[in-house]
Amino acid sequence: MAKQKTNKSAFRRFRISKTGKVLRRVAFSRHLRRNKSKSQLRSYKKNRLVSGKMARRVKRLVARA
């Protein structure tokens, strides 16, 4: 049976942590930043976790085996 190819768009969007959790970037952080509060902008710098079934789906797309 053929190996599953890595989905390159998902590979660029998500990272897998050392403990196996799926990390993603925060939405609304790219432009129109001057209208947003400073605390909001600081929170955009941190990565967020992908939870539940969606994390399982992302792991399957990002798998490099």
C-alpha atoms as a PDB file:
ATOM      1  CA  MET A   1       0.000   0.000   0.000  1.00  0.00           C
ATOM      2  CA  ALA A   2       1.293   3.463  -0.871  1.00  0.00           C
ATOM      3  CA  LYS A   3       2.404   5.888   1.821  1.00  0.00           C
ATOM      4  CA  GLN A   4       0.220   8.887   2.534  1.00  0.00           C
ATOM      5  CA  LYS A   5       1.698  12.125   1.255  1.00  0.00           C
ATOM      6  CA  THR A   6       2.111  15.113   3.539  1.00  0.00           C
ATOM      7  CA  ASN A   7      -0.465  17.813   2.902  1.00  0.00           C
ATOM      8  CA  LYS A   8       1.844  20.785   2.292  1.00  0.00           C
ATOM      9  CA  SER A   9      -0.695  23.519   3.050  1.00  0.00           C
ATOM     10  CA  ALA A  10      -1.485  21.921   6.420  1.00  0.00           C
ATOM     11  CA  PHE A  11       2.221  21.331   7.059  1.00  0.00           C
ATOM     12  CA  ARG A  12       2.870  25.068   6.733  1.00  0.00           C
ATOM     13  CA  ARG A  13      -0.070  26.094   8.942  1.00  0.00           C
ATOM     14  CA  PHE A  14       0.352  23.713  11.861  1.00  0.00           C
ATOM     15  CA  ARG A  15       3.182  22.551  14.093  1.00  0.00           C
ATOM     16  CA  ILE A  16       3.336  19.439  16.247  1.00  0.00           C
ATOM     17  CA  SER A  17       4.835  20.039  19.702  1.00  0.00           C
ATOM     18  CA  LYS A  18       7.276  17.633  21.374  1.00  0.00           C
ATOM     19  CA  THR A  19       4.416  16.241  23.450  1.00  0.00           C
ATOM     20  CA  GLY A  20       2.303  15.637  20.330  1.00  0.00           C
ATOM     21  CA  LYS A  21      -0.085  18.580  20.619  1.00  0.00           C
ATOM     22  CA  VAL A  22      -1.090  20.488  17.481  1.00  0.00           C
ATOM     23  CA  LEU A  23      -0.339  24.226  17.472  1.00  0.00           C
ATOM     24  CA  ARG A  24      -1.848  26.861  15.199  1.00  0.00           C
ATOM     25  CA  ARG A  25      -1.543  30.601  14.607  1.00  0.00           C
ATOM     26  CA  VAL A  26      -4.182  33.064  15.808  1.00  0.00           C
ATOM     27  CA  ALA A  27      -6.679  34.526  13.352  1.00  0.00           C
ATOM     28  CA  PHE A  28      -7.154  38.298  12.746  1.00  0.00           C
ATOM     29  CA  SER A  29      -3.492  39.088  13.445  1.00  0.00           C
ATOM     30  CA  ARG A  30      -2.229  40.144  10.018  1.00  0.00           C
ATOM     31  CA  HIS A  31      -3.583  43.584   9.184  1.00  0.00           C
ATOM     32  CA  LEU A  32      -5.753  46.417  10.555  1.00  0.00           C
ATOM     33  CA  ARG A  33      -3.665  46.200  13.708  1.00  0.00           C
ATOM     34  CA  ARG A  34      -3.876  49.844  14.746  1.00  0.00           C
ATOM     35  CA  ASN A  35      -7.579  49.440  15.577  1.00  0.00           C
ATOM     36  CA  LYS A  36      -6.868  46.659  18.060  1.00  0.00           C
ATOM     37  CA  SER A  37      -5.875  46.971  21.698  1.00  0.00           C
ATOM     38  CA  LYS A  38      -2.295  46.343  22.809  1.00  0.00           C
ATOM     39  CA  SER A  39      -3.308  43.347  24.923  1.00  0.00           C
ATOM     40  CA  GLN A  40      -5.108  41.872  21.929  1.00  0.00           C
ATOM     41  CA  LEU A  41      -1.990  42.296  19.784  1.00  0.00           C
ATOM     42  CA  ARG A  42       0.178  40.642  22.449  1.00  0.00           C
ATOM     43  CA  SER A  43      -2.146  37.658  22.599  1.00  0.00           C
ATOM     44  CA  TYR A  44      -1.804  37.183  18.824  1.00  0.00           C
ATOM     45  CA  LYS A  45       1.900  36.334  19.251  1.00  0.00           C
ATOM     46  CA  LYS A  46       1.157  33.141  21.166  1.00  0.00           C
ATOM     47  CA  ASN A  47       0.278  29.903  19.425  1.00  0.00           C
ATOM     48  CA  ARG A  48      -3.005  28.178  20.254  1.00  0.00           C
ATOM     49  CA  LEU A  49      -3.816  24.526  20.577  1.00  0.00           C
ATOM     50  CA  VAL A  50      -6.007  22.672  18.122  1.00  0.00           C
ATOM     51  CA  SER A  51      -8.366  20.528  20.153  1.00  0.00           C
ATOM     52  CA  GLY A  52     -10.161  17.237  19.875  1.00  0.00           C
ATOM     53  CA  LYS A  53     -11.036  15.550  16.631  1.00  0.00           C
ATOM     54  CA  MET A  54      -9.672  18.400  14.545  1.00  0.00           C
ATOM     55  CA  ALA A  55      -6.213  17.798  16.053  1.00  0.00           C
ATOM     56  CA  ARG A  56      -6.411  14.149  15.042  1.00  0.00           C
ATOM     57  CA  ARG A  57      -7.292  15.123  11.471  1.00  0.00           C
ATOM     58  CA  VAL A  58      -4.466  17.652  11.308  1.00  0.00           C
ATOM     59  CA  LYS A  59      -1.944  15.108  12.605  1.00  0.00           C
ATOM     60  CA  ARG A  60      -2.921  12.732   9.848  1.00  0.00           C
ATOM     61  CA  LEU A  61      -2.409  15.468   7.209  1.00  0.00           C
ATOM     62  CA  VAL A  62       0.919  16.608   8.626  1.00  0.00           C
ATOM     63  CA  ALA A  63       2.337  13.103   9.169  1.00  0.00           C
ATOM     64  CA  ARG A  64       5.665  12.645   7.389  1.00  0.00           C
ATOM     65  CA  ALA A  65       5.819   8.871   7.212  1.00  0.00           C
END
